[in-house]
PDB file of all heavy atoms in Angstrom:
ATOM      1  N   ASN A   1      73.567 176.445 199.221  1.00  0.00           N
ATOM      2  CA  ASN A   1      73.923 176.839 197.857  1.00  0.00           C
ATOM      3  C   ASN A   1      75.383 176.577 197.550  1.00  0.00           C
ATOM      4  O   ASN A   1      75.726 176.194 196.431  1.00  0.00           O
ATOM      5  CB  ASN A   1      73.573 178.320 197.635  1.00  0.00           C
ATOM      6  CG  ASN A   1      72.133 178.515 197.208  1.00  0.00           C
ATOM      7  OD1 ASN A   1      71.782 178.338 196.052  1.00  0.00           O
ATOM      8  ND2 ASN A   1      71.284 178.856 198.163  1.00  0.00           N
ATOM      9  N   LEU A   2      76.249 176.780 198.542  1.00  0.00           N
ATOM     10  CA  LEU A   2      77.644 176.404 198.334  1.00  0.00           C
ATOM     11  C   LEU A   2      77.751 174.911 198.068  1.00  0.00           C
ATOM     12  O   LEU A   2      78.512 174.470 197.190  1.00  0.00           O
ATOM     13  CB  LEU A   2      78.476 176.781 199.561  1.00  0.00           C
ATOM     14  CG  LEU A   2      78.827 178.260 199.739  1.00  0.00           C
ATOM     15  CD1 LEU A   2      79.647 178.454 201.009  1.00  0.00           C
ATOM     16  CD2 LEU A   2      79.605 178.783 198.541  1.00  0.00           C
ATOM     17  N   GLY A   3      76.977 174.133 198.820  1.00  0.00           N
ATOM     18  CA  GLY A   3      76.976 172.687 198.605  1.00  0.00           C
ATOM     19  C   GLY A   3      76.478 172.319 197.226  1.00  0.00           C
ATOM     20  O   GLY A   3      77.007 171.413 196.576  1.00  0.00           O
ATOM     21  N   ALA A   4      75.440 173.029 196.741  1.00  0.00           N
ATOM     22  CA  ALA A   4      74.926 172.772 195.396  1.00  0.00           C
ATOM     23  C   ALA A   4      75.984 173.087 194.343  1.00  0.00           C
ATOM     24  O   ALA A   4      76.155 172.345 193.370  1.00  0.00           O
ATOM     25  CB  ALA A   4      73.670 173.613 195.147  1.00  0.00           C
ATOM     26  N   GLY A   5      76.722 174.187 194.542  1.00  0.00           N
ATOM     27  CA  GLY A   5      77.755 174.549 193.584  1.00  0.00           C
ATOM     28  C   GLY A   5      78.922 173.590 193.585  1.00  0.00           C
ATOM     29  O   GLY A   5      79.599 173.419 192.558  1.00  0.00           O
ATOM     30  N   LEU A   6      79.181 172.938 194.715  1.00  0.00           N
ATOM     31  CA  LEU A   6      80.305 171.999 194.814  1.00  0.00           C
ATOM     32  C   LEU A   6      79.908 170.576 194.457  1.00  0.00           C
ATOM     33  O   LEU A   6      80.753 169.680 194.467  1.00  0.00           O
ATOM     34  CB  LEU A   6      80.875 172.027 196.241  1.00  0.00           C
ATOM     35  CG  LEU A   6      81.574 173.327 196.656  1.00  0.00           C
ATOM     36  CD1 LEU A   6      81.914 173.305 198.140  1.00  0.00           C
ATOM     37  CD2 LEU A   6      82.853 173.531 195.831  1.00  0.00           C
ATOM     38  N   SER A   7      78.633 170.350 194.162  1.00  0.00           N
ATOM     39  CA  SER A   7      78.186 168.977 193.868  1.00  0.00           C
ATOM     40  C   SER A   7      77.384 168.895 192.572  1.00  0.00           C
ATOM     41  O   SER A   7      76.477 168.077 192.447  1.00  0.00           O
ATOM     42  CB  SER A   7      77.350 168.443 195.039  1.00  0.00           C
ATOM     43  OG  SER A   7      76.222 169.267 195.275  1.00  0.00           O
ATOM     44  N   GLY A   8      77.704 169.743 191.619  1.00  0.00           N
ATOM     45  CA  GLY A   8      77.100 169.629 190.292  1.00  0.00           C
ATOM     46  C   GLY A   8      75.690 170.152 190.180  1.00  0.00           C
ATOM     47  O   GLY A   8      74.978 169.798 189.240  1.00  0.00           O
ATOM     48  N   GLY A   9      75.244 171.012 191.108  1.00  0.00           N
ATOM     49  CA  GLY A   9      73.872 171.503 191.078  1.00  0.00           C
ATOM     50  C   GLY A   9      73.764 172.918 190.549  1.00  0.00           C
ATOM     51  O   GLY A   9      74.569 173.377 189.729  1.00  0.00           O
ATOM     52  N   PHE A  10      72.790 173.653 191.063  1.00  0.00           N
ATOM     53  CA  PHE A  10      72.551 175.042 190.695  1.00  0.00           C
ATOM     54  C   PHE A  10      71.798 175.688 191.851  1.00  0.00           C
ATOM     55  O   PHE A  10      71.477 174.990 192.831  1.00  0.00           O
ATOM     56  CB  PHE A  10      71.789 175.150 189.358  1.00  0.00           C
ATOM     57  CG  PHE A  10      70.506 174.355 189.286  1.00  0.00           C
ATOM     58  CD1 PHE A  10      69.285 174.945 189.518  1.00  0.00           C
ATOM     59  CD2 PHE A  10      70.537 172.998 188.965  1.00  0.00           C
ATOM     60  CE1 PHE A  10      68.103 174.223 189.442  1.00  0.00           C
ATOM     61  CE2 PHE A  10      69.364 172.261 188.890  1.00  0.00           C
ATOM     62  CZ  PHE A  10      68.146 172.874 189.127  1.00  0.00           C
ATOM     63  N   PRO A  11      71.534 177.000 191.826  1.00  0.00           N
ATOM     64  CA  PRO A  11      70.946 177.662 192.999  1.00  0.00           C
ATOM     65  C   PRO A  11      69.674 176.989 193.518  1.00  0.00           C
ATOM     66  O   PRO A  11      68.811 176.582 192.743  1.00  0.00           O
ATOM     67  CB  PRO A  11      70.651 179.077 192.488  1.00  0.00           C
ATOM     68  CG  PRO A  11      71.698 179.312 191.455  1.00  0.00           C
ATOM     69  CD  PRO A  11      71.872 177.981 190.765  1.00  0.00           C
ATOM     70  N   VAL A  12      69.580 176.911 194.844  1.00  0.00           N
ATOM     71  CA  VAL A  12      68.452 176.240 195.496  1.00  0.00           C
ATOM     72  C   VAL A  12      67.837 177.172 196.531  1.00  0.00           C
ATOM     73  O   VAL A  12      68.442 178.166 196.947  1.00  0.00           O
ATOM     74  CB  VAL A  12      68.899 174.927 196.181  1.00  0.00           C
ATOM     75  CG1 VAL A  12      69.436 173.940 195.168  1.00  0.00           C
ATOM     76  CG2 VAL A  12      69.959 175.216 197.258  1.00  0.00           C
ATOM     77  N   THR A  13      66.645 176.828 196.950  1.00  0.00           N
ATOM     78  CA  THR A  13      65.954 177.567 198.005  1.00  0.00           C
ATOM     79  C   THR A  13      64.946 176.642 198.664  1.00  0.00           C
ATOM     80  O   THR A  13      64.801 175.478 198.269  1.00  0.00           O
ATOM     81  CB  THR A  13      65.258 178.822 197.422  1.00  0.00           C
ATOM     82  OG1 THR A  13      64.758 179.596 198.493  1.00  0.00           O
ATOM     83  CG2 THR A  13      64.109 178.441 196.500  1.00  0.00           C
ATOM     84  N   GLY A  14      64.245 177.158 199.659  1.00  0.00           N
ATOM     85  CA  GLY A  14      63.190 176.380 200.297  1.00  0.00           C
ATOM     86  C   GLY A  14      61.926 176.440 199.469  1.00  0.00           C
ATOM     87  O   GLY A  14      61.267 177.477 199.436  1.00  0.00           O
ATOM     88  N   GLY A  15      61.600 175.369 198.776  1.00  0.00           N
ATOM     89  CA  GLY A  15      60.458 175.358 197.867  1.00  0.00           C
ATOM     90  C   GLY A  15      59.129 175.284 198.599  1.00  0.00           C
ATOM     91  O   GLY A  15      59.016 174.631 199.647  1.00  0.00           O
ATOM     92  N   PHE A  16      58.129 175.952 198.045  1.00  0.00           N
ATOM     93  CA  PHE A  16      56.804 175.977 198.688  1.00  0.00           C
ATOM     94  C   PHE A  16      56.140 174.610 198.668  1.00  0.00           C
ATOM     95  O   PHE A  16      55.738 174.086 199.705  1.00  0.00           O
ATOM     96  CB  PHE A  16      55.916 177.008 197.984  1.00  0.00           C
ATOM     97  CG  PHE A  16      54.504 177.026 198.489  1.00  0.00           C
ATOM     98  CD1 PHE A  16      54.193 177.650 199.684  1.00  0.00           C
ATOM     99  CD2 PHE A  16      53.487 176.408 197.780  1.00  0.00           C
ATOM    100  CE1 PHE A  16      52.893 177.675 200.169  1.00  0.00           C
ATOM    101  CE2 PHE A  16      52.189 176.429 198.249  1.00  0.00           C
ATOM    102  CZ  PHE A  16      51.891 177.052 199.444  1.00  0.00           C
ATOM    103  N   SER A  17      56.035 174.007 197.476  1.00  0.00           N
ATOM    104  CA  SER A  17      55.266 172.771 197.355  1.00  0.00           C
ATOM    105  C   SER A  17      55.901 171.637 198.145  1.00  0.00           C
ATOM    106  O   SER A  17      55.216 170.917 198.879  1.00  0.00           O
ATOM    107  CB  SER A  17      55.123 172.383 195.880  1.00  0.00           C
ATOM    108  OG  SER A  17      56.392 172.234 195.269  1.00  0.00           O
ATOM    109  N   ARG A  18      57.210 171.468 198.023  1.00  0.00           N
ATOM    110  CA  ARG A  18      57.845 170.347 198.722  1.00  0.00           C
ATOM    111  C   ARG A  18      57.843 170.561 200.236  1.00  0.00           C
ATOM    112  O   ARG A  18      57.749 169.601 201.006  1.00  0.00           O
ATOM    113  CB  ARG A  18      59.267 170.126 198.203  1.00  0.00           C
ATOM    114  CG  ARG A  18      60.268 171.188 198.571  1.00  0.00           C
ATOM    115  CD  ARG A  18      61.685 170.781 198.202  1.00  0.00           C
ATOM    116  NE  ARG A  18      61.815 170.631 196.772  1.00  0.00           N
ATOM    117  CZ  ARG A  18      62.207 171.609 195.953  1.00  0.00           C
ATOM    118  NH1 ARG A  18      62.457 172.807 196.451  1.00  0.00           N
ATOM    119  NH2 ARG A  18      62.339 171.410 194.674  1.00  0.00           N
ATOM    120  N   SER A  19      57.927 171.822 200.681  1.00  0.00           N
ATOM    121  CA  SER A  19      57.900 172.081 202.118  1.00  0.00           C
ATOM    122  C   SER A  19      56.520 171.803 202.698  1.00  0.00           C
ATOM    123  O   SER A  19      56.399 171.250 203.799  1.00  0.00           O
ATOM    124  CB  SER A  19      58.301 173.537 202.400  1.00  0.00           C
ATOM    125  OG  SER A  19      59.621 173.780 201.982  1.00  0.00           O
ATOM    126  N   VAL A  20      55.477 172.176 201.959  1.00  0.00           N
ATOM    127  CA  VAL A  20      54.114 171.891 202.416  1.00  0.00           C
ATOM    128  C   VAL A  20      53.883 170.387 202.472  1.00  0.00           C
ATOM    129  O   VAL A  20      53.275 169.869 203.429  1.00  0.00           O
ATOM    130  CB  VAL A  20      53.082 172.567 201.493  1.00  0.00           C
ATOM    131  CG1 VAL A  20      51.671 172.099 201.827  1.00  0.00           C
ATOM    132  CG2 VAL A  20      53.176 174.082 201.618  1.00  0.00           C
ATOM    133  N   VAL A  21      54.354 169.667 201.459  1.00  0.00           N
ATOM    134  CA  VAL A  21      54.228 168.205 201.457  1.00  0.00           C
ATOM    135  C   VAL A  21      54.996 167.614 202.631  1.00  0.00           C
ATOM    136  O   VAL A  21      54.509 166.702 203.324  1.00  0.00           O
ATOM    137  CB  VAL A  21      54.736 167.621 200.126  1.00  0.00           C
ATOM    138  CG1 VAL A  21      54.850 166.100 200.213  1.00  0.00           C
ATOM    139  CG2 VAL A  21      53.794 168.009 198.989  1.00  0.00           C
ATOM    140  N   ASN A  22      56.190 168.136 202.885  1.00  0.00           N
ATOM    141  CA  ASN A  22      57.005 167.665 204.004  1.00  0.00           C
ATOM    142  C   ASN A  22      56.273 167.884 205.325  1.00  0.00           C
ATOM    143  O   ASN A  22      56.251 166.999 206.199  1.00  0.00           O
ATOM    144  CB  ASN A  22      58.337 168.425 203.997  1.00  0.00           C
ATOM    145  CG  ASN A  22      59.409 167.747 204.831  1.00  0.00           C
ATOM    146  OD1 ASN A  22      59.503 166.528 204.880  1.00  0.00           O
ATOM    147  ND2 ASN A  22      60.247 168.537 205.474  1.00  0.00           N
ATOM    148  N   PHE A  23      55.642 169.049 205.468  1.00  0.00           N
ATOM    149  CA  PHE A  23      54.890 169.367 206.679  1.00  0.00           C
ATOM    150  C   PHE A  23      53.674 168.453 206.823  1.00  0.00           C
ATOM    151  O   PHE A  23      53.445 167.871 207.890  1.00  0.00           O
ATOM    152  CB  PHE A  23      54.451 170.830 206.626  1.00  0.00           C
ATOM    153  CG  PHE A  23      53.637 171.281 207.803  1.00  0.00           C
ATOM    154  CD1 PHE A  23      54.249 171.795 208.933  1.00  0.00           C
ATOM    155  CD2 PHE A  23      52.247 171.198 207.779  1.00  0.00           C
ATOM    156  CE1 PHE A  23      53.499 172.226 210.021  1.00  0.00           C
ATOM    157  CE2 PHE A  23      51.487 171.617 208.854  1.00  0.00           C
ATOM    158  CZ  PHE A  23      52.113 172.128 209.980  1.00  0.00           C
ATOM    159  N   ASP A  24      52.897 168.340 205.736  1.00  0.00           N
ATOM    160  CA  ASP A  24      51.684 167.524 205.788  1.00  0.00           C
ATOM    161  C   ASP A  24      51.988 166.052 206.024  1.00  0.00           C
ATOM    162  O   ASP A  24      51.173 165.325 206.610  1.00  0.00           O
ATOM    163  CB  ASP A  24      50.890 167.675 204.491  1.00  0.00           C
ATOM    164  CG  ASP A  24      50.265 169.064 204.350  1.00  0.00           C
ATOM    165  OD1 ASP A  24      50.147 169.752 205.383  1.00  0.00           O
ATOM    166  OD2 ASP A  24      49.914 169.447 203.225  1.00  0.00           O
ATOM    167  N   ALA A  25      53.161 165.604 205.561  1.00  0.00           N
ATOM    168  CA  ALA A  25      53.528 164.198 205.730  1.00  0.00           C
ATOM    169  C   ALA A  25      54.033 163.897 207.137  1.00  0.00           C
ATOM    170  O   ALA A  25      54.291 162.734 207.465  1.00  0.00           O
ATOM    171  CB  ALA A  25      54.592 163.803 204.704  1.00  0.00           C
ATOM    172  N   GLY A  26      54.187 164.942 207.969  1.00  0.00           N
ATOM    173  CA  GLY A  26      54.520 164.710 209.370  1.00  0.00           C
ATOM    174  C   GLY A  26      55.950 164.953 209.771  1.00  0.00           C
ATOM    175  O   GLY A  26      56.359 164.549 210.873  1.00  0.00           O
ATOM    176  N   ALA A  27      56.769 165.600 208.929  1.00  0.00           N
ATOM    177  CA  ALA A  27      58.162 165.870 209.293  1.00  0.00           C
ATOM    178  C   ALA A  27      58.224 166.710 210.556  1.00  0.00           C
ATOM    179  O   ALA A  27      57.467 167.667 210.720  1.00  0.00           O
ATOM    180  CB  ALA A  27      58.874 166.582 208.149  1.00  0.00           C
ATOM    181  N   ARG A  28      59.138 166.367 211.450  1.00  0.00           N
ATOM    182  CA  ARG A  28      59.262 167.081 212.716  1.00  0.00           C
ATOM    183  C   ARG A  28      60.589 167.813 212.857  1.00  0.00           C
ATOM    184  O   ARG A  28      60.677 168.796 213.580  1.00  0.00           O
ATOM    185  CB  ARG A  28      59.114 166.096 213.895  1.00  0.00           C
ATOM    186  CG  ARG A  28      57.805 165.326 213.929  1.00  0.00           C
ATOM    187  CD  ARG A  28      56.602 166.207 214.111  1.00  0.00           C
ATOM    188  NE  ARG A  28      56.687 167.016 215.327  1.00  0.00           N
ATOM    189  CZ  ARG A  28      55.766 167.894 215.702  1.00  0.00           C
ATOM    190  NH1 ARG A  28      54.697 168.102 214.932  1.00  0.00           N
ATOM    191  NH2 ARG A  28      55.903 168.590 216.810  1.00  0.00           N
ATOM    192  N   THR A  29      61.618 167.335 212.196  1.00  0.00           N
ATOM    193  CA  THR A  29      62.942 167.953 212.318  1.00  0.00           C
ATOM    194  C   THR A  29      63.609 167.999 210.947  1.00  0.00           C
ATOM    195  O   THR A  29      63.162 167.337 209.994  1.00  0.00           O
ATOM    196  CB  THR A  29      63.847 167.156 213.278  1.00  0.00           C
ATOM    197  OG1 THR A  29      64.264 165.943 212.634  1.00  0.00           O
ATOM    198  CG2 THR A  29      63.123 166.814 214.577  1.00  0.00           C
ATOM    199  N   PRO A  30      64.719 168.750 210.822  1.00  0.00           N
ATOM    200  CA  PRO A  30      65.454 168.777 209.550  1.00  0.00           C
ATOM    201  C   PRO A  30      66.053 167.422 209.162  1.00  0.00           C
ATOM    202  O   PRO A  30      66.525 167.272 208.030  1.00  0.00           O
ATOM    203  CB  PRO A  30      66.562 169.805 209.811  1.00  0.00           C
ATOM    204  CG  PRO A  30      66.014 170.701 210.876  1.00  0.00           C
ATOM    205  CD  PRO A  30      65.214 169.780 211.760  1.00  0.00           C
TER     206      PRO A  30
END
């Protein structure tokens, strides 16, 4: 969130849909 505030963004979190897609697509590490 600090990074988002310093780079023109707004509050962020771990999203449900994108995390599930990331998992289903085979992501293994950050």
